[in-house]
Protein backbone atom coordinates (compact mmCIF):
# COMPACT_ATOMS: atom_id res chain seq x y z
CA MET A 1 -55.67 107.28 68.45
CA TYR A 2 -53.77 105.54 71.22
CA ALA A 3 -54.12 101.87 72.06
CA ILE A 4 -55.00 101.06 75.66
CA PRO A 5 -52.20 99.04 77.34
CA LYS A 6 -53.24 95.52 78.26
CA SER A 7 -52.91 96.24 81.99
CA GLY A 8 -55.02 99.37 81.62
CA LYS A 9 -57.65 97.46 79.65
CA GLN A 10 -57.89 94.77 82.35
CA SER A 11 -58.21 97.41 85.04
CA LEU A 12 -60.99 99.13 83.08
CA ILE A 13 -62.85 95.85 82.58
CA ASN A 14 -62.57 94.94 86.26
CA ARG A 15 -63.82 98.39 87.26
CA LEU A 16 -66.72 98.00 84.85
CA ILE A 17 -67.67 94.59 86.24
CA PHE A 18 -67.10 95.03 89.97
CA GLY A 19 -67.52 98.79 90.34
CA ARG A 20 -66.65 100.56 93.58
CA HIS A 21 -68.44 100.34 96.88
CA ARG A 22 -70.62 103.42 97.38
CA ARG A 23 -72.83 102.91 100.40
CA ARG A 24 -73.92 100.32 102.93
CA ARG A 25 -77.48 99.06 102.88
CA ASP A 26 -78.91 97.27 105.88
CA LEU A 27 -81.35 94.41 106.35
CA ILE A 28 -84.21 94.82 108.79
CA PRO A 29 -83.84 91.73 111.00
CA GLY A 30 -86.39 88.96 110.82
CA PRO A 31 -88.24 87.24 113.68
CA PHE A 32 -85.35 85.15 115.06
CA SER A 33 -82.76 86.66 117.37
CA GLY A 34 -80.91 83.59 118.59
CA TYR A 35 -77.67 84.18 116.69
CA VAL A 36 -74.43 86.10 117.11
CA ILE A 37 -72.32 87.81 114.42
CA HIS A 38 -68.52 87.61 114.41
CA PRO A 39 -66.03 89.27 112.03
CA LEU A 40 -63.72 87.02 110.02
CA GLU A 41 -60.42 87.36 108.22
CA LEU A 42 -59.07 85.02 105.56
CA SER A 43 -55.45 85.24 104.46
CA ARG A 44 -54.77 84.92 100.73
CA PRO A 45 -51.53 84.84 98.70
CA ASN A 46 -49.32 87.93 98.39
CA GLY A 47 -50.38 89.38 101.70
CA VAL A 48 -54.02 89.91 100.73
CA MET A 49 -56.54 89.69 103.58
CA LEU A 50 -60.25 89.15 102.95
CA HIS A 51 -62.72 90.47 105.48
CA GLY A 52 -66.07 88.88 106.21
CA TRP A 53 -68.61 87.89 108.82
CA THR A 54 -70.44 84.87 110.14
CA ALA A 55 -73.72 84.64 111.97
CA ALA A 56 -73.95 81.49 114.07
CA PRO A 57 -76.91 80.20 116.07
CA ILE A 58 -76.32 80.54 119.81
CA ALA A 59 -77.97 77.23 120.62
CA ALA A 60 -75.98 75.25 118.02
CA PRO A 61 -72.79 77.13 117.06
CA GLY A 62 -71.52 74.19 115.00
CA SER A 63 -74.69 73.98 112.94
CA GLU A 64 -74.62 71.62 109.96
CA LYS A 65 -76.81 73.99 107.90
CA ILE A 66 -74.62 76.57 106.15
CA LEU A 67 -75.41 79.43 103.78
CA LEU A 68 -72.57 81.14 101.90
CA TYR A 69 -73.50 84.47 100.27
CA PHE A 70 -71.78 86.34 97.42
CA GLY A 71 -72.63 90.00 96.91
CA GLY A 72 -73.40 92.02 93.82
CA ARG A 73 -71.58 94.79 92.01
CA MET A 74 -70.52 97.62 94.34
CA GLU A 75 -72.01 95.72 97.30
CA ASP A 76 -70.68 95.62 100.85
CA THR A 77 -71.92 92.30 102.24
CA TRP A 78 -71.83 93.36 105.91
CA TRP A 79 -75.65 93.06 106.03
CA ALA A 80 -75.80 89.46 104.77
CA PRO A 81 -75.16 87.63 108.08
CA LYS A 82 -78.40 89.15 109.38
CA MET A 83 -80.18 86.71 107.08
CA ALA A 84 -79.74 84.34 110.02
CA SER A 85 -82.68 86.20 111.57
CA TYR A 86 -84.86 84.46 108.97
CA LEU A 87 -83.03 81.12 109.14
CA PRO A 88 -83.10 79.68 112.67
CA GLY A 89 -80.43 77.03 113.13
CA TRP A 90 -78.40 78.10 110.07
CA THR A 91 -74.91 79.57 110.01
CA VAL A 92 -74.47 82.35 107.44
CA TYR A 93 -71.15 83.47 105.92
CA ALA A 94 -70.29 86.43 103.70
CA PHE A 95 -66.99 87.95 102.59
CA ASN A 96 -66.34 91.17 100.71
CA TYR A 97 -64.61 91.06 97.35
CA ARG A 98 -61.07 92.39 97.14
CA GLY A 99 -61.03 96.16 97.42
CA PHE A 100 -64.46 96.26 99.09
CA GLY A 101 -64.88 97.24 102.73
CA GLU A 102 -61.81 96.07 104.65
CA SER A 103 -60.85 93.39 102.11
CA MET A 104 -57.48 94.10 100.52
CA GLY A 105 -56.36 93.87 96.92
CA ALA A 106 -58.04 94.40 93.55
CA SER A 107 -61.08 92.55 92.24
CA SER A 108 -61.07 90.48 89.07
CA GLU A 109 -62.90 87.42 87.79
CA ALA A 110 -59.87 85.20 88.42
CA ASN A 111 -59.35 86.56 91.94
CA ALA A 112 -63.03 86.29 92.83
CA LYS A 113 -63.21 82.65 91.73
CA ALA A 114 -59.97 81.67 93.48
CA ASP A 115 -61.15 83.45 96.63
CA ALA A 116 -64.51 81.66 96.44
CA LEU A 117 -62.76 78.29 96.50
CA ALA A 118 -60.65 79.38 99.45
CA ILE A 119 -63.71 80.71 101.29
CA HIS A 120 -65.55 77.45 100.67
CA GLU A 121 -62.61 75.45 102.05
CA PHE A 122 -62.39 77.79 105.05
CA VAL A 123 -66.11 77.50 105.80
CA MET A 124 -66.18 73.72 105.48
CA SER A 125 -63.19 73.46 107.83
CA LYS A 126 -65.40 75.09 110.47
CA HIS A 127 -68.11 72.48 109.89
CA PRO A 128 -66.42 69.08 109.63
CA GLN A 129 -69.60 67.13 110.33
CA ALA A 130 -70.31 64.45 107.76
CA ASP A 131 -73.89 65.70 107.44
CA ALA A 132 -72.98 69.38 106.95
CA GLU A 133 -75.17 70.92 104.24
CA MET A 134 -73.87 73.84 102.18
CA ALA A 135 -76.20 76.16 100.28
CA LEU A 136 -74.87 78.91 98.03
CA MET A 137 -76.53 82.27 97.40
CA GLY A 138 -75.55 85.11 95.09
CA ARG A 139 -77.02 88.41 94.01
CA SER A 140 -76.46 90.00 90.58
CA LEU A 141 -72.68 89.77 89.99
CA GLY A 142 -72.51 87.35 92.92
CA THR A 143 -74.73 84.88 91.05
CA SER A 144 -71.78 84.33 88.71
CA ILE A 145 -69.53 83.37 91.63
CA ALA A 146 -72.25 81.19 93.19
CA ILE A 147 -72.91 79.44 89.85
CA TRP A 148 -69.22 78.85 89.23
CA LEU A 149 -68.68 77.48 92.74
CA ALA A 150 -71.82 75.32 92.47
CA HIS A 151 -70.41 73.86 89.25
CA GLN A 152 -67.23 72.97 91.17
CA MET A 153 -68.62 71.85 94.52
CA ASN A 154 -72.18 70.56 94.03
CA PRO A 155 -74.00 72.28 96.93
CA SER A 156 -77.34 71.06 98.22
CA ARG A 157 -79.19 74.22 97.12
CA LEU A 158 -78.54 77.34 95.11
CA VAL A 159 -80.26 80.73 95.42
CA LEU A 160 -79.80 83.29 92.62
CA ILE A 161 -81.11 86.84 92.92
CA SER A 162 -81.16 88.73 89.59
CA PRO A 163 -78.93 86.27 87.69
CA PHE A 164 -77.77 86.71 84.08
CA CYS A 165 -76.30 84.66 81.23
CA SER A 166 -73.01 86.57 80.92
CA VAL A 167 -71.51 90.02 81.40
CA ARG A 168 -71.81 90.52 77.65
CA SER A 169 -75.54 89.73 77.68
CA VAL A 170 -76.10 92.33 80.42
CA LEU A 171 -74.29 95.01 78.45
CA LEU A 172 -76.00 94.17 75.17
CA ALA A 173 -79.42 94.53 76.82
CA ARG A 174 -78.69 98.20 77.52
CA PRO A 175 -78.10 100.16 74.28
CA TRP A 176 -75.87 102.81 75.87
CA LEU A 177 -73.60 100.10 77.28
CA ALA A 178 -73.63 97.77 74.28
CA PRO A 179 -70.35 99.14 72.83
CA LEU A 180 -68.59 98.05 76.03
CA SER A 181 -69.58 94.44 75.34
CA LEU A 182 -66.52 94.21 73.09
CA LEU A 183 -64.35 94.75 76.15
CA ALA A 184 -66.26 92.22 78.26
CA GLY A 185 -65.40 89.28 76.02
CA ARG A 186 -66.13 85.86 77.50
CA ARG A 187 -66.44 86.78 81.16
CA PHE A 188 -68.69 85.09 83.70
CA LEU A 189 -70.30 82.68 81.24
CA ASN A 190 -73.07 81.53 83.56
CA ALA A 191 -75.20 80.04 80.80
CA ASP A 192 -72.38 77.65 79.87
CA LEU A 193 -72.12 76.34 83.43
CA ALA A 194 -75.80 76.04 84.30
CA PRO A 195 -76.45 72.69 82.54
CA GLY A 196 -73.81 71.04 84.75
CA ILE A 197 -75.38 72.09 88.05
CA ALA A 198 -77.53 69.51 89.84
CA ALA A 199 -78.45 71.55 92.92
CA LYS A 200 -82.06 72.44 93.54
CA THR A 201 -82.20 76.10 92.51
CA LEU A 202 -84.31 79.16 93.30
CA VAL A 203 -84.22 82.25 91.05
CA VAL A 204 -85.53 85.49 92.59
CA LEU A 205 -86.38 88.46 90.39
CA ALA A 206 -87.18 92.05 91.27
CA GLU A 207 -90.47 93.30 89.87
CA LYS A 208 -88.71 96.24 88.20
CA ASP A 209 -85.07 95.64 87.40
CA ARG A 210 -83.24 98.16 85.22
CA GLN A 211 -79.87 96.44 85.59
CA ILE A 212 -80.67 92.80 84.75
CA ALA A 213 -83.43 92.16 82.22
CA HIS A 214 -85.95 89.49 83.17
CA ARG A 215 -85.50 87.86 79.78
CA ASP A 216 -81.79 87.38 80.51
CA SER A 217 -82.52 85.79 83.91
CA LEU A 218 -85.22 83.53 82.45
CA LYS A 219 -82.98 82.49 79.57
CA LEU A 220 -80.39 81.42 82.12
CA ALA A 221 -83.01 79.56 84.18
CA ARG A 222 -83.92 77.48 81.13
CA ARG A 223 -80.30 76.34 80.84
CA PHE A 224 -80.30 74.40 84.12
CA ALA A 225 -80.60 70.62 83.94
CA THR A 226 -83.41 70.79 86.50
CA ARG A 227 -85.45 73.89 85.87
CA PRO A 228 -85.31 76.26 88.86
CA GLU A 229 -88.23 77.68 90.73
CA VAL A 230 -88.59 81.34 89.66
CA VAL A 231 -90.20 83.89 91.96
CA THR A 232 -90.80 87.60 91.29
CA ILE A 233 -91.06 89.82 94.36
CA HIS A 234 -93.60 92.61 93.89
CA GLY A 235 -92.68 96.17 94.81
CA THR A 236 -88.91 95.68 94.46
CA ASN A 237 -86.12 96.86 92.18
CA HIS A 238 -82.55 95.72 91.60
CA GLN A 239 -81.28 97.41 94.77
CA THR A 240 -84.11 96.60 97.16
CA VAL A 241 -84.91 92.99 96.28
CA PRO A 242 -82.20 91.20 98.34
CA ARG A 243 -83.12 92.97 101.59
CA ASN A 244 -86.87 92.81 101.08
CA GLU A 245 -88.74 90.93 103.82
CA ARG A 246 -90.69 88.87 101.27
CA THR A 247 -87.45 87.92 99.52
CA GLN A 248 -85.94 86.77 102.79
CA LYS A 249 -89.02 84.72 103.64
CA THR A 250 -89.01 83.18 100.17
CA VAL A 251 -85.35 82.21 100.47
CA ALA A 252 -85.89 80.83 103.98
CA ALA A 253 -88.84 78.72 102.83
CA PHE A 254 -86.82 77.35 99.92
CA LEU A 255 -83.79 76.50 102.03
CA THR A 256 -85.77 74.83 104.80
CA LEU A 257 -88.08 72.88 102.51
CA SER A 258 -87.37 69.16 102.82
CA PRO A 259 -85.71 67.44 99.84
CA GLN A 260 -88.87 65.38 99.33
CA GLY A 261 -90.83 68.56 98.64
CA ASN A 262 -92.90 68.54 101.83
CA GLY A 263 -93.92 71.84 103.35
CA ARG A 264 -95.99 74.83 102.34
CA ARG A 265 -95.03 77.90 100.36
CA GLY A 266 -96.85 81.22 100.68
CA THR A 267 -97.85 82.98 97.44
CA ALA A 268 -99.61 86.15 98.56
CA ASP A 269 -96.80 88.53 97.58
CA MET A 270 -95.08 86.47 94.90
CA ALA A 271 -95.56 85.83 91.23
CA ARG A 272 -94.21 82.54 89.91
CA ARG A 273 -93.14 81.96 86.33
């Protein structure tokens, strides 16, 4: 038997974790049309350029309400700025990981985290108001980046769609992938970071998720210092839940709810845990 070179092993692990972009999935716009989407580029070291988008409200282009989204495995985040159609007055940002869409370079945990810090700095430079409010949102793999950045930057709110405790826990939950858990090691240890996050948090689960087990998501939710609100969206799976209309309305209600807890939340299509 031949040993895998260290560089080859790292490449294999990164491919396993991030995957490769396969197809674009769109979001059916919500009820609000008063926003405009612009492409973005962010220069990183060694000539790497990250590509992203922002959706800004036409009436208040310098809005102090900001949502920064991190996509899942194999996800092109080009659809994410359209979440502004459910969030009047909010500015939404999303960038593709390295090697996804028009973003250059190769994805890795270290690169994704360093890029997240740079993206955060870039976004906040566009909103220098003292009262600017940053909310972070991640889906699947992107929940790891959102959790890590929340641990660093203390956002006002955190939205996690299909989160998990660690890459190893995801692999161990699927018998045919369990042997690969030895390669995963200690990557994206979300459960270790959760107790240090003070942000008000929403966890959104698909009704039927074959990629991320509910028990893994709920175990992570119990690790937060302040227990998150957990909502299951009926009629969804791992792929459809982020772009589901009920998911978008749930996220919008959570983000726009006042800190004092005033406001009403619909429950007709949701199951809370």
